[in-house]
């Protein structure tokens, strides 16, 4: 019988967010795949998980996935973890899942930590419909994506690194308008967790004089609905 591929979420900061089930699956797996073995080693040691750990990241995932599928077909149960949060959400994992499914291998993703959910709920913006964009393209296609998102009426969720954060706010002011409401969360679940809400201009002003550390989740209020044409019924499909 073929084995099973498990996607196991890990804490995004606070180790208390590791679930009992995640610990059990990692202990029972035949081997563990980690985005960065050096980052995952302290986590595994903390929970007494002693397993063979192999690197599986964006630079080798296409090459290593074939070997991993071979192990799965041979009956091995394999667990995939990322540096933090749920694998395949702005982290490696999607390609391996697709290859496993193509080979009729069962895939199971455990529920657990992911940064955008608490950031979205904390924002106060509508949560019934939202648009998760993750990290925007660094260069090619970035302006095009901004122009598309400027018309998006759902709450928009973006990830950003600290060294690009202020520049991203400048770009948002240019494409969304400096008065668009945003909610920025950083260091989620950690000691210095912080959420700052206000217009793009207000949030930028705040972070120009406050620490820019940790990974950022930016929630952007959706664009206002377009008004109905005069004298015509407006149907929103």
Protein backbone atom coordinates (compact mmCIF):
# COMPACT_ATOMS: atom_id res chain seq x y z
CA UNK A 1 0.00 0.00 0.00
CA UNK A 2 1.29 3.50 -0.76
CA UNK A 3 2.00 5.85 2.10
CA UNK A 4 0.39 9.18 2.84
CA UNK A 5 1.68 12.73 2.48
CA UNK A 6 0.87 14.92 5.49
CA UNK A 7 1.08 18.72 5.40
CA UNK A 8 1.72 19.79 8.98
CA UNK A 9 1.35 23.44 10.06
CA UNK A 10 3.92 24.74 12.52
CA UNK A 11 3.71 27.82 14.79
CA UNK A 12 4.27 31.22 13.21
CA UNK A 13 5.92 32.38 16.43
CA UNK A 14 4.40 31.05 19.62
CA UNK A 15 5.32 27.39 20.24
CA UNK A 16 2.10 26.91 22.22
CA UNK A 17 0.22 27.00 18.90
CA UNK A 18 1.60 23.59 17.92
CA UNK A 19 -1.27 21.10 18.03
CA UNK A 20 -1.21 17.70 19.74
CA UNK A 21 -2.14 16.12 16.43
CA UNK A 22 0.73 17.80 14.58
CA UNK A 23 3.20 16.48 17.15
CA UNK A 24 1.78 12.95 16.87
CA UNK A 25 1.90 12.93 13.06
CA UNK A 26 5.51 14.16 13.03
CA UNK A 27 6.51 11.50 15.55
CA UNK A 28 4.78 8.73 13.58
CA UNK A 29 5.98 9.78 10.11
CA UNK A 30 8.76 7.76 8.48
CA UNK A 31 10.54 10.96 7.52
CA UNK A 32 10.04 14.72 7.70
CA UNK A 33 10.54 17.28 4.94
CA UNK A 34 11.46 20.80 6.05
CA UNK A 35 11.82 24.07 4.16
CA UNK A 36 15.01 24.78 6.13
CA UNK A 37 16.36 22.00 8.32
CA UNK A 38 18.29 24.51 10.44
CA UNK A 39 15.11 26.46 11.23
CA UNK A 40 13.05 23.36 11.97
CA UNK A 41 15.63 21.59 14.13
CA UNK A 42 14.92 23.62 17.32
CA UNK A 43 11.16 23.10 16.88
CA UNK A 44 11.48 19.34 16.47
CA UNK A 45 13.88 19.10 19.39
CA UNK A 46 11.53 21.12 21.61
CA UNK A 47 8.75 18.58 21.09
CA UNK A 48 11.00 15.54 21.30
CA UNK A 49 10.61 14.60 17.64
CA UNK A 50 13.60 12.58 16.47
CA UNK A 51 13.28 11.90 12.76
CA UNK A 52 15.31 12.02 9.60
CA UNK A 53 14.77 15.49 8.18
CA UNK A 54 15.35 16.34 4.53
CA UNK A 55 15.31 19.75 2.88
CA UNK A 56 12.40 20.53 0.55
CA UNK A 57 12.32 24.15 -0.60
CA UNK A 58 11.56 26.31 -3.62
CA UNK A 59 14.99 25.72 -5.14
CA UNK A 60 14.85 21.92 -5.17
CA UNK A 61 11.16 21.01 -4.98
CA UNK A 62 10.80 20.08 -8.65
CA UNK A 63 13.81 17.80 -8.49
CA UNK A 64 13.13 16.29 -5.06
CA UNK A 65 9.40 15.71 -5.59
CA UNK A 66 10.00 12.72 -7.88
CA UNK A 67 12.16 11.05 -5.22
CA UNK A 68 9.59 11.83 -2.52
CA UNK A 69 6.79 10.34 -4.61
CA UNK A 70 8.90 7.21 -5.03
CA UNK A 71 9.18 6.87 -1.25
CA UNK A 72 5.44 7.44 -0.87
CA UNK A 73 4.64 4.78 -3.46
CA UNK A 74 6.90 2.41 -1.51
CA UNK A 75 4.66 2.82 1.54
CA UNK A 76 6.45 5.56 3.48
CA UNK A 77 4.41 8.15 5.37
CA UNK A 78 5.98 11.57 4.91
CA UNK A 79 5.27 14.84 6.73
CA UNK A 80 6.02 18.23 5.17
CA UNK A 81 6.58 21.33 7.30
CA UNK A 82 7.58 24.87 6.37
CA UNK A 83 9.60 27.35 8.41
CA UNK A 84 6.37 28.70 9.89
CA UNK A 85 2.66 28.28 9.26
CA UNK A 86 0.85 25.99 6.84
CA UNK A 87 2.86 24.46 3.97
CA UNK A 88 1.90 25.59 0.45
CA UNK A 89 0.54 28.95 1.66
CA UNK A 90 3.24 31.26 0.25
CA UNK A 91 5.62 28.40 1.02
CA UNK A 92 6.76 25.21 -0.78
CA UNK A 93 4.22 22.43 -0.95
CA UNK A 94 1.86 23.01 -3.86
CA UNK A 95 3.99 21.23 -6.44
CA UNK A 96 4.59 18.20 -4.22
CA UNK A 97 0.87 17.91 -3.44
CA UNK A 98 0.04 18.01 -7.13
CA UNK A 99 2.61 15.34 -7.95
CA UNK A 100 1.37 13.12 -5.13
CA UNK A 101 -2.24 13.39 -6.31
CA UNK A 102 -1.19 12.61 -9.89
CA UNK A 103 0.27 9.37 -8.55
CA UNK A 104 -2.90 8.47 -6.59
CA UNK A 105 -1.21 9.11 -3.26
CA UNK A 106 -3.40 10.27 -0.40
CA UNK A 107 -2.73 13.78 0.87
CA UNK A 108 -3.89 15.12 4.22
CA UNK A 109 -3.43 18.70 5.43
CA UNK A 110 -3.77 19.24 9.15
CA UNK A 111 -5.45 22.43 10.38
CA UNK A 112 -3.20 24.88 12.16
CA UNK A 113 -1.39 28.18 12.19
CA UNK A 114 -1.32 30.54 9.23
CA UNK A 115 -0.56 34.24 9.46
CA UNK A 116 -3.31 35.75 7.32
CA UNK A 117 -6.29 34.43 9.33
CA UNK A 118 -5.64 36.30 12.62
CA UNK A 119 -4.54 39.37 10.66
CA UNK A 120 -7.80 39.36 8.69
CA UNK A 121 -9.98 38.89 11.77
CA UNK A 122 -8.05 41.60 13.67
CA UNK A 123 -8.45 44.07 10.80
CA UNK A 124 -12.15 44.71 11.29
CA UNK A 125 -12.66 44.46 7.53
CA UNK A 126 -15.30 42.12 6.04
CA UNK A 127 -14.26 38.49 6.38
CA UNK A 128 -17.08 36.80 4.47
CA UNK A 129 -15.33 37.42 1.14
CA UNK A 130 -11.65 38.21 0.76
CA UNK A 131 -8.82 38.04 -1.76
CA UNK A 132 -5.55 36.45 -0.61
CA UNK A 133 -2.61 37.59 -2.75
CA UNK A 134 0.36 36.55 -0.60
CA UNK A 135 3.59 38.17 -1.83
CA UNK A 136 3.16 40.33 -4.92
CA UNK A 137 5.61 39.82 -7.80
CA UNK A 138 8.87 41.62 -7.06
CA UNK A 139 9.24 43.16 -10.51
CA UNK A 140 7.53 41.76 -13.59
CA UNK A 141 3.77 41.97 -13.26
CA UNK A 142 3.74 43.97 -10.03
CA UNK A 143 2.20 47.12 -11.53
CA UNK A 144 -0.37 45.07 -13.43
CA UNK A 145 -1.40 43.32 -10.22
CA UNK A 146 -1.77 46.64 -8.41
CA UNK A 147 -4.02 47.98 -11.16
CA UNK A 148 -6.22 44.89 -10.94
CA UNK A 149 -6.40 45.03 -7.15
CA UNK A 150 -7.31 48.72 -7.19
CA UNK A 151 -10.77 47.69 -8.43
CA UNK A 152 -11.13 44.70 -6.07
CA UNK A 153 -14.15 45.13 -3.80
CA UNK A 154 -13.26 42.28 -1.42
CA UNK A 155 -10.84 42.64 1.46
CA UNK A 156 -7.30 42.15 0.10
CA UNK A 157 -4.58 40.32 2.05
CA UNK A 158 -0.89 40.72 1.23
CA UNK A 159 2.36 39.49 2.75
CA UNK A 160 5.42 41.72 2.79
CA UNK A 161 8.97 41.58 4.10
CA UNK A 162 10.30 44.35 6.38
CA UNK A 163 12.84 45.74 3.89
CA UNK A 164 10.13 46.33 1.26
CA UNK A 165 7.32 47.38 3.59
CA UNK A 166 7.53 51.20 3.34
CA UNK A 167 8.00 51.05 -0.43
CA UNK A 168 4.89 48.86 -0.67
CA UNK A 169 2.88 51.44 1.26
CA UNK A 170 4.06 54.11 -1.19
CA UNK A 171 2.90 51.91 -4.07
CA UNK A 172 -0.46 51.39 -2.38
CA UNK A 173 -0.89 55.13 -2.01
CA UNK A 174 -0.20 55.52 -5.73
CA UNK A 175 -2.57 52.78 -6.91
CA UNK A 176 -5.22 52.59 -4.16
CA UNK A 177 -5.10 56.18 -2.88
CA UNK A 178 -3.52 57.41 0.33
CA UNK A 179 -6.93 57.44 2.07
CA UNK A 180 -7.63 53.72 1.54
CA UNK A 181 -8.04 51.97 4.89
CA UNK A 182 -5.47 49.31 5.79
CA UNK A 183 -4.66 47.14 8.77
CA UNK A 184 -1.07 46.01 9.24
CA UNK A 185 -0.13 43.14 11.55
CA UNK A 186 3.44 42.13 12.37
CA UNK A 187 5.11 39.66 14.72
CA UNK A 188 1.84 37.73 15.02
CA UNK A 189 1.65 35.44 18.10
CA UNK A 190 5.03 36.74 19.33
CA UNK A 191 5.89 38.92 22.33
CA UNK A 192 5.81 42.18 20.38
CA UNK A 193 2.75 41.43 18.23
CA UNK A 194 1.27 44.62 16.84
CA UNK A 195 -1.63 45.64 14.61
CA UNK A 196 -1.82 49.19 13.25
CA UNK A 197 -4.99 50.43 11.54
CA UNK A 198 -5.71 53.59 9.58
CA UNK A 199 -5.33 55.08 6.12
CA UNK A 200 -2.33 54.15 4.00
CA UNK A 201 -0.86 57.58 4.76
CA UNK A 202 -1.44 57.28 8.52
CA UNK A 203 0.07 53.79 8.74
CA UNK A 204 3.13 54.85 6.76
CA UNK A 205 3.62 57.85 9.04
CA UNK A 206 3.46 55.57 12.08
CA UNK A 207 6.04 53.10 10.80
CA UNK A 208 8.43 55.85 9.76
CA UNK A 209 9.08 56.34 13.49
CA UNK A 210 8.50 52.82 14.82
CA UNK A 211 10.36 49.50 14.40
CA UNK A 212 9.96 47.68 11.10
CA UNK A 213 10.73 44.12 12.16
CA UNK A 214 9.22 40.73 11.47
CA UNK A 215 7.01 39.57 8.64
CA UNK A 216 4.07 41.83 7.76
CA UNK A 217 0.49 40.96 6.85
CA UNK A 218 -1.30 43.86 5.17
CA UNK A 219 -5.11 43.83 4.97
CA UNK A 220 -6.58 46.38 2.59
CA UNK A 221 -10.21 47.49 2.59
CA UNK A 222 -11.96 46.63 -0.66
CA UNK A 223 -12.74 49.34 -3.19
CA UNK A 224 -16.13 51.02 -2.95
CA UNK A 225 -18.72 49.47 -5.29
CA UNK A 226 -19.19 51.30 -8.56
CA UNK A 227 -22.36 53.40 -8.66
CA UNK A 228 -25.30 52.28 -10.79
CA UNK A 229 -25.55 53.91 -14.24
CA UNK A 230 -28.17 56.68 -14.27
CA UNK A 231 -31.60 55.57 -15.43
CA UNK A 232 -30.61 51.88 -15.61
CA UNK A 233 -31.01 49.00 -13.25
CA UNK A 234 -27.70 47.76 -11.90
CA UNK A 235 -27.30 44.03 -11.44
CA UNK A 236 -24.21 42.80 -9.61
CA UNK A 237 -23.33 39.38 -10.96
